[in-house]
Amino acid sequence: MTTLVFGHKSPDTDSTGSPIIWAWYLNQIKGIEASPALLGEPNTEALFMLDHWKLDKPEIISGVEAGQDVVIVDTNNPAELPDNINAANITAIIDHHKLVGGLETAGPIEIRIEPLACTATIMWKMIGSDMAQMPENVKGAMLTCILSDTLEFRSPTTTQEDKDIAQSLAADLDINISDYAAKMFAAKSDVSSFSEAELLRMDSKEYEVGGKQFRVSVLETTSPDQILDRKDALMAAMPGVAETDGADQVLLFVVDILNEQATMLIPNELTKSVAEKSFDTTVSGDTVILPGVMSRKKQIIPNLKV
């Protein structure tokens, strides 16, 4: 049986690249037949990575068969996985997020969760000396994942290990990190072809805070005006997205990568209250700027209050 390797729904660069990396490792090093998969269309930065490194886009799947061998990467949250994930045979989990709970396995499995900025960083450590056999395009995916999740080392989730491994990969590939990251972020910032609903779901995760269900959406960009110019349409789309997705509210944060700040949209009293209680700020309009806020995992989710 082929092992499917996949990350979370609304796949970003790490959840697109890490399945490719680990499927290569299982196939070529461990002798286990494996295939990368996606739980949705990848974002524009992930598509840039696939095109730049001439990598095939993994198959998009909507669910898994009972008993299917799977490796879960870049998440351990059942809400971000197929509804029937516990019917699959989970063989490993590789992640860098907090442990949520709720996944069930048929027996003991390998679990590797580390407080690093990127799943691909953990994989580099796990692969070890076998990195010498990795082809350049897969190394390119690994570098892209790390630069994406660290926002070129600007994110507060960045560790020295992330930096060292990214710099080692860049040297190996003869890549100038600043030049390459600029191309990545330009690709991520081009959202002109997406509807408001697609933008609200593009990089979003579901969380419950104080009895309220939130879809917490983050759009990282070097051109925040491209998104903020659509502010009214985005706020108008929020109730429909929330209702369809079973949430009480969509919270949207537009992260300005270069100025290292986030703008949160404030369409109603609930979001105003969340912003003021969570980020010790005063809201006077339909947006609020949050200086230094770059990371959903480290700065947004842990601080949310209602």
C-alpha atoms as a PDB file:
ATOM      1  CA  MET A   1       0.000   0.000   0.000  1.00  0.00           C
ATOM      2  CA  THR A   2       1.231   3.486  -0.880  1.00  0.00           C
ATOM      3  CA  THR A   3       1.650   5.766   2.143  1.00  0.00           C
ATOM      4  CA  LEU A   4       0.037   9.173   1.658  1.00  0.00           C
ATOM      5  CA  VAL A   5       1.914  12.131   3.134  1.00  0.00           C
ATOM      6  CA  PHE A   6      -0.066  15.328   3.662  1.00  0.00           C
ATOM      7  CA  GLY A   7      -0.416  18.420   5.816  1.00  0.00           C
ATOM      8  CA  HIS A   8      -3.330  20.651   6.763  1.00  0.00           C
ATOM      9  CA  LYS A   9      -6.284  21.971   4.786  1.00  0.00           C
ATOM     10  CA  SER A  10      -5.742  25.305   2.976  1.00  0.00           C
ATOM     11  CA  PRO A  11      -2.157  24.205   2.249  1.00  0.00           C
ATOM     12  CA  ASP A  12       0.542  26.833   2.517  1.00  0.00           C
ATOM     13  CA  THR A  13       4.140  26.401   1.372  1.00  0.00           C
ATOM     14  CA  ASP A  14       5.195  24.171   4.283  1.00  0.00           C
ATOM     15  CA  SER A  15       2.133  21.931   3.910  1.00  0.00           C
ATOM     16  CA  THR A  16       2.901  21.642   0.178  1.00  0.00           C
ATOM     17  CA  GLY A  17       6.668  21.196   0.347  1.00  0.00           C
ATOM     18  CA  SER A  18       7.005  18.992   3.424  1.00  0.00           C
ATOM     19  CA  PRO A  19       4.881  16.160   1.960  1.00  0.00           C
ATOM     20  CA  ILE A  20       7.135  16.221  -1.115  1.00  0.00           C
ATOM     21  CA  ILE A  21      10.247  16.089   1.065  1.00  0.00           C
ATOM     22  CA  TRP A  22       9.028  13.249   3.265  1.00  0.00           C
ATOM     23  CA  ALA A  23       7.616  11.208   0.382  1.00  0.00           C
ATOM     24  CA  TRP A  24      11.045  11.433  -1.280  1.00  0.00           C
ATOM     25  CA  TYR A  25      12.699  10.265   1.936  1.00  0.00           C
ATOM     26  CA  LEU A  26      10.335   7.316   2.399  1.00  0.00           C
ATOM     27  CA  ASN A  27      10.657   6.238  -1.231  1.00  0.00           C
ATOM     28  CA  GLN A  28      14.356   6.734  -1.818  1.00  0.00           C
ATOM     29  CA  ILE A  29      15.904   6.174   1.613  1.00  0.00           C
ATOM     30  CA  LYS A  30      13.503   4.008   3.611  1.00  0.00           C
ATOM     31  CA  GLY A  31      12.219   1.903   0.712  1.00  0.00           C
ATOM     32  CA  ILE A  32       8.576   2.641   1.574  1.00  0.00           C
ATOM     33  CA  GLU A  33       6.278   3.451  -1.335  1.00  0.00           C
ATOM     34  CA  ALA A  34       4.904   6.916  -0.622  1.00  0.00           C
ATOM     35  CA  SER A  35       3.142   9.750  -2.393  1.00  0.00           C
ATOM     36  CA  PRO A  36       2.657  13.414  -1.375  1.00  0.00           C
ATOM     37  CA  ALA A  37      -0.891  14.763  -1.282  1.00  0.00           C
ATOM     38  CA  LEU A  38      -2.699  18.044  -0.625  1.00  0.00           C
ATOM     39  CA  LEU A  39      -5.948  18.814   1.174  1.00  0.00           C
ATOM     40  CA  GLY A  40      -6.882  21.648  -1.181  1.00  0.00           C
ATOM     41  CA  GLU A  41      -5.338  23.991  -3.708  1.00  0.00           C
ATOM     42  CA  PRO A  42      -1.936  25.369  -2.637  1.00  0.00           C
ATOM     43  CA  ASN A  43      -1.465  29.106  -2.240  1.00  0.00           C
ATOM     44  CA  THR A  44       0.364  31.279  -4.768  1.00  0.00           C
ATOM     45  CA  GLU A  45       3.710  31.072  -2.977  1.00  0.00           C
ATOM     46  CA  ALA A  46       3.518  27.280  -2.903  1.00  0.00           C
ATOM     47  CA  LEU A  47       2.682  27.280  -6.620  1.00  0.00           C
ATOM     48  CA  PHE A  48       5.734  29.492  -7.203  1.00  0.00           C
ATOM     49  CA  MET A  49       7.866  26.938  -5.359  1.00  0.00           C
ATOM     50  CA  LEU A  50       6.535  24.060  -7.483  1.00  0.00           C
ATOM     51  CA  ASP A  51       7.145  25.976 -10.708  1.00  0.00           C
ATOM     52  CA  HIS A  52      10.571  27.323  -9.752  1.00  0.00           C
ATOM     53  CA  TRP A  53      11.933  23.928  -8.734  1.00  0.00           C
ATOM     54  CA  LYS A  54      10.077  21.975 -11.449  1.00  0.00           C
ATOM     55  CA  LEU A  55       8.170  19.857  -8.936  1.00  0.00           C
ATOM     56  CA  ASP A  56       4.900  18.113  -9.741  1.00  0.00           C
ATOM     57  CA  LYS A  57       1.901  19.390  -7.845  1.00  0.00           C
ATOM     58  CA  PRO A  58       0.816  16.631  -5.438  1.00  0.00           C
ATOM     59  CA  GLU A  59      -2.593  15.054  -5.915  1.00  0.00           C
ATOM     60  CA  ILE A  60      -5.417  16.902  -4.173  1.00  0.00           C
ATOM     61  CA  ILE A  61      -7.517  14.592  -2.017  1.00  0.00           C
ATOM     62  CA  SER A  62     -10.697  15.217  -0.051  1.00  0.00           C
ATOM     63  CA  GLY A  63     -10.539  12.218   2.271  1.00  0.00           C
ATOM     64  CA  VAL A  64      -8.774   8.951   2.994  1.00  0.00           C
ATOM     65  CA  GLU A  65      -9.934   5.362   2.859  1.00  0.00           C
ATOM     66  CA  ALA A  66     -10.261   3.357   6.048  1.00  0.00           C
ATOM     67  CA  GLY A  67      -6.950   1.634   6.772  1.00  0.00           C
ATOM     68  CA  GLN A  68      -4.993   3.881   4.399  1.00  0.00           C
ATOM     69  CA  ASP A  69      -1.389   4.356   5.580  1.00  0.00           C
ATOM     70  CA  VAL A  70      -0.741   8.069   6.145  1.00  0.00           C
ATOM     71  CA  VAL A  71       1.954  10.349   7.509  1.00  0.00           C
ATOM     72  CA  ILE A  72       0.649  13.669   8.832  1.00  0.00           C
ATOM     73  CA  VAL A  73       2.963  16.685   8.593  1.00  0.00           C
ATOM     74  CA  ASP A  74       2.714  20.344   9.648  1.00  0.00           C
ATOM     75  CA  THR A  75      -0.325  19.759  11.858  1.00  0.00           C
ATOM     76  CA  ASN A  76      -1.718  17.439  14.516  1.00  0.00           C
ATOM     77  CA  ASN A  77      -5.136  19.083  14.655  1.00  0.00           C
ATOM     78  CA  PRO A  78      -8.063  16.862  13.531  1.00  0.00           C
ATOM     79  CA  ALA A  79     -10.024  19.995  12.504  1.00  0.00           C
ATOM     80  CA  GLU A  80      -7.386  20.636   9.817  1.00  0.00           C
ATOM     81  CA  LEU A  81      -7.478  17.068   8.473  1.00  0.00           C
ATOM     82  CA  PRO A  82     -10.008  14.859   6.640  1.00  0.00           C
ATOM     83  CA  ASP A  83     -13.136  14.164   8.671  1.00  0.00           C
ATOM     84  CA  ASN A  84     -12.393  10.430   8.666  1.00  0.00           C
ATOM     85  CA  ILE A  85      -8.705  10.756   9.580  1.00  0.00           C
ATOM     86  CA  ASN A  86      -9.031   8.418  12.575  1.00  0.00           C
ATOM     87  CA  ALA A  87     -10.182   5.638  10.255  1.00  0.00           C
ATOM     88  CA  ALA A  88      -6.811   5.802   8.479  1.00  0.00           C
ATOM     89  CA  ASN A  89      -3.667   4.059   9.675  1.00  0.00           C
ATOM     90  CA  ILE A  90      -1.586   6.980  10.912  1.00  0.00           C
ATOM     91  CA  THR A  91       2.040   5.831  10.872  1.00  0.00           C
ATOM     92  CA  ALA A  92       3.834   9.070  11.822  1.00  0.00           C
ATOM     93  CA  ILE A  93       3.294  12.722  12.729  1.00  0.00           C
ATOM     94  CA  ILE A  94       5.915  15.407  12.086  1.00  0.00           C
ATOM     95  CA  ASP A  95       4.919  18.870  13.254  1.00  0.00           C
ATOM     96  CA  HIS A  96       5.948  22.152  14.876  1.00  0.00           C
ATOM     97  CA  HIS A  97       2.627  23.237  16.391  1.00  0.00           C
ATOM     98  CA  LYS A  98       1.221  22.736  19.861  1.00  0.00           C
ATOM     99  CA  LEU A  99      -0.270  19.323  20.628  1.00  0.00           C
ATOM    100  CA  VAL A 100      -4.034  19.533  20.195  1.00  0.00           C
ATOM    101  CA  GLY A 101      -5.227  15.974  20.792  1.00  0.00           C
ATOM    102  CA  GLY A 102      -7.975  13.978  19.158  1.00  0.00           C
ATOM    103  CA  LEU A 103      -6.012  11.834  16.725  1.00  0.00           C
ATOM    104  CA  GLU A 104      -6.201   8.072  17.239  1.00  0.00           C
ATOM    105  CA  THR A 105      -3.731   5.449  16.035  1.00  0.00           C
ATOM    106  CA  ALA A 106      -3.913   1.680  15.721  1.00  0.00           C
ATOM    107  CA  GLY A 107      -0.634   1.249  17.591  1.00  0.00           C
ATOM    108  CA  PRO A 108       2.541   3.047  18.651  1.00  0.00           C
ATOM    109  CA  ILE A 109       3.824   5.468  16.017  1.00  0.00           C
ATOM    110  CA  GLU A 110       6.727   7.827  15.466  1.00  0.00           C
ATOM    111  CA  ILE A 111       5.854  11.367  16.547  1.00  0.00           C
ATOM    112  CA  ARG A 112       8.286  14.253  16.189  1.00  0.00           C
ATOM    113  CA  ILE A 113       7.119  17.674  17.356  1.00  0.00           C
ATOM    114  CA  GLU A 114       9.703  20.393  17.971  1.00  0.00           C
ATOM    115  CA  PRO A 115       9.438  24.121  18.784  1.00  0.00           C
ATOM    116  CA  LEU A 116      10.905  25.198  15.457  1.00  0.00           C
ATOM    117  CA  ALA A 117       9.514  27.585  12.846  1.00  0.00           C
ATOM    118  CA  CYS A 118       9.067  24.995  10.115  1.00  0.00           C
ATOM    119  CA  THR A 119       8.294  21.307   9.613  1.00  0.00           C
ATOM    120  CA  ALA A 120      10.976  21.135   6.926  1.00  0.00           C
ATOM    121  CA  THR A 121      13.593  22.125   9.525  1.00  0.00           C
ATOM    122  CA  ILE A 122      12.621  19.083  11.597  1.00  0.00           C
ATOM    123  CA  MET A 123      12.797  16.889   8.498  1.00  0.00           C
ATOM    124  CA  TRP A 124      16.329  18.107   7.713  1.00  0.00           C
ATOM    125  CA  LYS A 125      17.365  16.964  11.187  1.00  0.00           C
ATOM    126  CA  MET A 126      15.605  13.612  10.835  1.00  0.00           C
ATOM    127  CA  ILE A 127      17.072  12.877   7.397  1.00  0.00           C
ATOM    128  CA  GLY A 128      20.588  13.615   8.626  1.00  0.00           C
ATOM    129  CA  SER A 129      23.467  12.315   6.501  1.00  0.00           C
ATOM    130  CA  ASP A 130      21.018  11.088   3.870  1.00  0.00           C
ATOM    131  CA  MET A 131      20.550  14.738   2.863  1.00  0.00           C
ATOM    132  CA  ALA A 132      23.582  14.124   0.622  1.00  0.00           C
ATOM    133  CA  GLN A 133      21.330  12.015  -1.630  1.00  0.00           C
ATOM    134  CA  MET A 134      18.512  14.558  -1.868  1.00  0.00           C
ATOM    135  CA  PRO A 135      18.080  16.099  -5.336  1.00  0.00           C
ATOM    136  CA  GLU A 136      18.399  19.851  -5.736  1.00  0.00           C
ATOM    137  CA  ASN A 137      14.735  20.462  -6.424  1.00  0.00           C
ATOM    138  CA  VAL A 138      13.662  18.774  -3.187  1.00  0.00           C
ATOM    139  CA  LYS A 139      16.328  20.753  -1.300  1.00  0.00           C
ATOM    140  CA  GLY A 140      14.872  23.834  -2.984  1.00  0.00           C
ATOM    141  CA  ALA A 141      11.452  22.958  -1.614  1.00  0.00           C
ATOM    142  CA  MET A 142      12.971  22.562   1.858  1.00  0.00           C
ATOM    143  CA  LEU A 143      14.626  25.977   1.674  1.00  0.00           C
ATOM    144  CA  THR A 144      11.405  27.569   0.424  1.00  0.00           C
ATOM    145  CA  CYS A 145       9.410  26.080   3.287  1.00  0.00           C
ATOM    146  CA  ILE A 146      11.803  27.448   5.895  1.00  0.00           C
ATOM    147  CA  LEU A 147      11.993  30.928   4.357  1.00  0.00           C
ATOM    148  CA  SER A 148       8.196  30.991   4.092  1.00  0.00           C
ATOM    149  CA  ASP A 149       7.461  29.935   7.662  1.00  0.00           C
ATOM    150  CA  THR A 150      10.128  32.255   9.102  1.00  0.00           C
ATOM    151  CA  LEU A 151       9.202  35.150   6.770  1.00  0.00           C
ATOM    152  CA  GLU A 152      12.909  35.264   5.862  1.00  0.00           C
ATOM    153  CA  PHE A 153      13.820  35.081   9.567  1.00  0.00           C
ATOM    154  CA  ARG A 154      11.527  37.994  10.557  1.00  0.00           C
ATOM    155  CA  SER A 155       8.954  35.846  12.350  1.00  0.00           C
ATOM    156  CA  PRO A 156       9.318  35.527  16.127  1.00  0.00           C
ATOM    157  CA  THR A 157       8.973  31.747  15.677  1.00  0.00           C
ATOM    158  CA  THR A 158      12.389  31.678  13.968  1.00  0.00           C
ATOM    159  CA  THR A 159      15.111  29.771  15.811  1.00  0.00           C
ATOM    160  CA  GLN A 160      18.837  29.646  15.212  1.00  0.00           C
ATOM    161  CA  GLU A 161      18.395  26.116  13.892  1.00  0.00           C
ATOM    162  CA  ASP A 162      15.965  27.354  11.239  1.00  0.00           C
ATOM    163  CA  LYS A 163      18.459  30.043  10.200  1.00  0.00           C
ATOM    164  CA  ASP A 164      21.470  27.739  10.138  1.00  0.00           C
ATOM    165  CA  ILE A 165      19.709  25.045   8.106  1.00  0.00           C
ATOM    166  CA  ALA A 166      18.272  27.557   5.618  1.00  0.00           C
ATOM    167  CA  GLN A 167      21.668  29.173   5.141  1.00  0.00           C
ATOM    168  CA  SER A 168      23.289  25.757   4.648  1.00  0.00           C
ATOM    169  CA  LEU A 169      20.701  24.805   2.024  1.00  0.00           C
ATOM    170  CA  ALA A 170      21.065  28.164   0.258  1.00  0.00           C
ATOM    171  CA  ALA A 171      24.847  27.763   0.106  1.00  0.00           C
ATOM    172  CA  ASP A 172      24.463  24.228  -1.243  1.00  0.00           C
ATOM    173  CA  LEU A 173      22.052  25.471  -3.935  1.00  0.00           C
ATOM    174  CA  ASP A 174      24.017  28.679  -4.648  1.00  0.00           C
ATOM    175  CA  ILE A 175      20.927  30.734  -3.789  1.00  0.00           C
ATOM    176  CA  ASN A 176      20.951  34.319  -2.536  1.00  0.00           C
ATOM    177  CA  ILE A 177      18.377  34.192   0.251  1.00  0.00           C
ATOM    178  CA  SER A 178      17.264  37.832   0.022  1.00  0.00           C
ATOM    179  CA  ASP A 179      16.759  37.708  -3.745  1.00  0.00           C
ATOM    180  CA  TYR A 180      14.945  34.390  -3.646  1.00  0.00           C
ATOM    181  CA  ALA A 181      12.737  35.353  -0.697  1.00  0.00           C
ATOM    182  CA  ALA A 182      11.724  38.559  -2.503  1.00  0.00           C
ATOM    183  CA  LYS A 183      10.469  36.455  -5.433  1.00  0.00           C
ATOM    184  CA  MET A 184       8.606  34.143  -3.057  1.00  0.00           C
ATOM    185  CA  PHE A 185       6.891  36.995  -1.246  1.00  0.00           C
ATOM    186  CA  ALA A 186       5.998  38.731  -4.515  1.00  0.00           C
ATOM    187  CA  ALA A 187       4.242  35.528  -5.593  1.00  0.00           C
ATOM    188  CA  LYS A 188       2.469  35.279  -2.236  1.00  0.00           C
ATOM    189  CA  SER A 189       1.368  38.928  -2.458  1.00  0.00           C
ATOM    190  CA  ASP A 190      -0.377  38.589  -5.826  1.00  0.00           C
ATOM    191  CA  VAL A 191      -3.929  37.791  -4.751  1.00  0.00           C
ATOM    192  CA  SER A 192      -5.726  39.583  -7.583  1.00  0.00           C
ATOM    193  CA  SER A 193      -7.253  36.392  -8.984  1.00  0.00           C
ATOM    194  CA  PHE A 194      -8.870  35.292  -5.707  1.00  0.00           C
ATOM    195  CA  SER A 195     -12.371  36.083  -4.491  1.00  0.00           C
ATOM    196  CA  GLU A 196     -12.930  37.554  -1.028  1.00  0.00           C
ATOM    197  CA  ALA A 197     -14.156  34.193   0.287  1.00  0.00           C
ATOM    198  CA  GLU A 198     -11.071  32.476  -1.121  1.00  0.00           C
ATOM    199  CA  LEU A 199      -8.817  35.033   0.553  1.00  0.00           C
ATOM    200  CA  LEU A 200     -10.541  34.531   3.898  1.00  0.00           C
ATOM    201  CA  ARG A 201      -9.939  30.785   3.682  1.00  0.00           C
ATOM    202  CA  MET A 202      -6.532  30.862   1.980  1.00  0.00           C
ATOM    203  CA  ASP A 203      -4.371  30.644   5.084  1.00  0.00           C
ATOM    204  CA  SER A 204      -6.815  30.050   7.895  1.00  0.00           C
ATOM    205  CA  LYS A 205      -7.239  27.797  10.878  1.00  0.00           C
ATOM    206  CA  GLU A 206     -10.165  27.036  13.156  1.00  0.00           C
ATOM    207  CA  TYR A 207      -9.922  27.761  16.869  1.00  0.00           C
ATOM    208  CA  GLU A 208     -12.336  27.917  19.782  1.00  0.00           C
ATOM    209  CA  VAL A 209     -11.811  30.739  22.249  1.00  0.00           C
ATOM    210  CA  GLY A 210     -14.099  31.310  25.213  1.00  0.00           C
ATOM    211  CA  GLY A 211     -16.905  29.301  23.664  1.00  0.00           C
ATOM    212  CA  LYS A 212     -16.665  31.145  20.329  1.00  0.00           C
ATOM    213  CA  GLN A 213     -15.615  29.403  17.115  1.00  0.00           C
ATOM    214  CA  PHE A 214     -13.201  31.512  15.080  1.00  0.00           C
ATOM    215  CA  ARG A 215     -11.702  31.069  11.628  1.00  0.00           C
ATOM    216  CA  VAL A 216      -8.382  32.862  12.114  1.00  0.00           C
ATOM    217  CA  SER A 217      -7.110  34.007   8.726  1.00  0.00           C
ATOM    218  CA  VAL A 218      -3.650  35.424   8.075  1.00  0.00           C
ATOM    219  CA  LEU A 219      -2.512  36.934   4.780  1.00  0.00           C
ATOM    220  CA  GLU A 220       1.235  37.570   4.664  1.00  0.00           C
ATOM    221  CA  THR A 221       2.240  40.092   2.022  1.00  0.00           C
ATOM    222  CA  THR A 222       4.798  42.656   0.924  1.00  0.00           C
ATOM    223  CA  SER A 223       1.942  44.635  -0.689  1.00  0.00           C
ATOM    224  CA  PRO A 224      -0.685  45.050   2.054  1.00  0.00           C
ATOM    225  CA  ASP A 225      -2.569  47.705   0.079  1.00  0.00           C
ATOM    226  CA  GLN A 226      -3.553  45.049  -2.485  1.00  0.00           C
ATOM    227  CA  ILE A 227      -5.582  43.394   0.257  1.00  0.00           C
ATOM    228  CA  LEU A 228      -6.611  46.399   2.322  1.00  0.00           C
ATOM    229  CA  ASP A 229      -8.020  48.128  -0.773  1.00  0.00           C
ATOM    230  CA  ARG A 230     -10.594  45.293  -0.741  1.00  0.00           C
ATOM    231  CA  LYS A 231     -11.370  45.804   2.951  1.00  0.00           C
ATOM    232  CA  ASP A 232     -15.077  46.554   2.545  1.00  0.00           C
ATOM    233  CA  ALA A 233     -15.650  43.540   0.290  1.00  0.00           C
ATOM    234  CA  LEU A 234     -13.695  41.288   2.636  1.00  0.00           C
ATOM    235  CA  MET A 235     -15.733  42.375   5.643  1.00  0.00           C
ATOM    236  CA  ALA A 236     -18.949  41.900   3.670  1.00  0.00           C
ATOM    237  CA  ALA A 237     -17.884  38.336   2.847  1.00  0.00           C
ATOM    238  CA  MET A 238     -17.038  37.390   6.440  1.00  0.00           C
ATOM    239  CA  PRO A 239     -20.558  36.474   7.662  1.00  0.00           C
ATOM    240  CA  GLY A 240     -21.173  34.111   4.744  1.00  0.00           C
ATOM    241  CA  VAL A 241     -17.813  32.383   5.166  1.00  0.00           C
ATOM    242  CA  ALA A 242     -18.348  32.053   8.921  1.00  0.00           C
ATOM    243  CA  GLU A 243     -21.847  30.598   8.479  1.00  0.00           C
ATOM    244  CA  THR A 244     -20.743  28.115   5.804  1.00  0.00           C
ATOM    245  CA  ASP A 245     -17.767  27.002   7.879  1.00  0.00           C
ATOM    246  CA  GLY A 246     -19.641  26.731  11.180  1.00  0.00           C
ATOM    247  CA  ALA A 247     -17.780  29.623  12.811  1.00  0.00           C
ATOM    248  CA  ASP A 248     -19.050  32.551  14.837  1.00  0.00           C
ATOM    249  CA  GLN A 249     -16.618  34.977  13.234  1.00  0.00           C
ATOM    250  CA  VAL A 250     -13.737  35.263  10.787  1.00  0.00           C
ATOM    251  CA  LEU A 251     -10.743  37.131  12.186  1.00  0.00           C
ATOM    252  CA  LEU A 252      -8.517  38.495   9.411  1.00  0.00           C
ATOM    253  CA  PHE A 253      -4.953  39.689   9.993  1.00  0.00           C
ATOM    254  CA  VAL A 254      -3.021  41.212   7.080  1.00  0.00           C
ATOM    255  CA  VAL A 255       0.658  40.767   7.925  1.00  0.00           C
ATOM    256  CA  ASP A 256       2.980  43.353   6.380  1.00  0.00           C
ATOM    257  CA  ILE A 257       6.197  41.356   6.031  1.00  0.00           C
ATOM    258  CA  LEU A 258       8.514  44.300   5.373  1.00  0.00           C
ATOM    259  CA  ASN A 259       7.133  46.651   8.052  1.00  0.00           C
ATOM    260  CA  GLU A 260       6.696  43.788  10.532  1.00  0.00           C
ATOM    261  CA  GLN A 261       3.165  44.560  11.640  1.00  0.00           C
ATOM    262  CA  ALA A 262      -0.363  43.246  11.191  1.00  0.00           C
ATOM    263  CA  THR A 263      -3.579  45.040  10.328  1.00  0.00           C
ATOM    264  CA  MET A 264      -6.690  43.417  11.800  1.00  0.00           C
ATOM    265  CA  LEU A 265     -10.051  44.082  10.168  1.00  0.00           C
ATOM    266  CA  ILE A 266     -12.796  45.183  12.587  1.00  0.00           C
ATOM    267  CA  PRO A 267     -16.249  44.665  11.024  1.00  0.00           C
ATOM    268  CA  ASN A 268     -18.307  44.537  14.247  1.00  0.00           C
ATOM    269  CA  GLU A 269     -18.379  44.795  18.029  1.00  0.00           C
ATOM    270  CA  LEU A 270     -17.212  41.201  18.569  1.00  0.00           C
ATOM    271  CA  THR A 271     -14.009  41.713  16.590  1.00  0.00           C
ATOM    272  CA  LYS A 272     -13.485  45.086  18.275  1.00  0.00           C
ATOM    273  CA  SER A 273     -13.754  43.445  21.682  1.00  0.00           C
ATOM    274  CA  VAL A 274     -11.413  40.624  20.640  1.00  0.00           C
ATOM    275  CA  ALA A 275      -8.829  43.090  19.360  1.00  0.00           C
ATOM    276  CA  GLU A 276      -8.889  45.295  22.435  1.00  0.00           C
ATOM    277  CA  LYS A 277      -8.815  42.448  24.958  1.00  0.00           C
ATOM    278  CA  SER A 278      -6.276  40.347  23.069  1.00  0.00           C
ATOM    279  CA  PHE A 279      -3.741  42.933  21.949  1.00  0.00           C
ATOM    280  CA  ASP A 280      -4.053  45.695  24.564  1.00  0.00           C
ATOM    281  CA  THR A 281      -5.085  48.253  21.968  1.00  0.00           C
ATOM    282  CA  THR A 282      -7.876  50.754  21.351  1.00  0.00           C
ATOM    283  CA  VAL A 283      -9.963  50.407  18.203  1.00  0.00           C
ATOM    284  CA  SER A 284     -11.477  53.554  16.693  1.00  0.00           C
ATOM    285  CA  GLY A 285     -12.319  52.420  13.165  1.00  0.00           C
ATOM    286  CA  ASP A 286     -12.726  49.342  11.020  1.00  0.00           C
ATOM    287  CA  THR A 287      -9.038  48.396  11.173  1.00  0.00           C
ATOM    288  CA  VAL A 288      -6.366  48.377  13.840  1.00  0.00           C
ATOM    289  CA  ILE A 289      -2.597  48.134  13.347  1.00  0.00           C
ATOM    290  CA  LEU A 290      -0.761  45.707  15.616  1.00  0.00           C
ATOM    291  CA  PRO A 291       2.962  46.584  15.603  1.00  0.00           C
ATOM    292  CA  GLY A 292       5.325  43.606  15.676  1.00  0.00           C
ATOM    293  CA  VAL A 293       2.575  41.011  15.234  1.00  0.00           C
ATOM    294  CA  MET A 294       3.779  38.525  12.600  1.00  0.00           C
ATOM    295  CA  SER A 295       2.918  35.033  13.818  1.00  0.00           C
ATOM    296  CA  ARG A 296      -0.496  33.416  14.229  1.00  0.00           C
ATOM    297  CA  LYS A 297       1.066  30.531  16.155  1.00  0.00           C
ATOM    298  CA  LYS A 298       3.085  32.574  18.628  1.00  0.00           C
ATOM    299  CA  GLN A 299       1.457  36.025  18.824  1.00  0.00           C
ATOM    300  CA  ILE A 300      -2.169  35.788  17.682  1.00  0.00           C
ATOM    301  CA  ILE A 301      -3.672  32.480  18.825  1.00  0.00           C
ATOM    302  CA  PRO A 302      -2.153  32.434  22.354  1.00  0.00           C
ATOM    303  CA  ASN A 303      -3.431  35.973  23.017  1.00  0.00           C
ATOM    304  CA  LEU A 304      -7.011  35.671  21.735  1.00  0.00           C
ATOM    305  CA  LYS A 305      -9.656  36.627  24.294  1.00  0.00           C
ATOM    306  CA  VAL A 306     -13.387  37.300  24.011  1.00  0.00           C
END
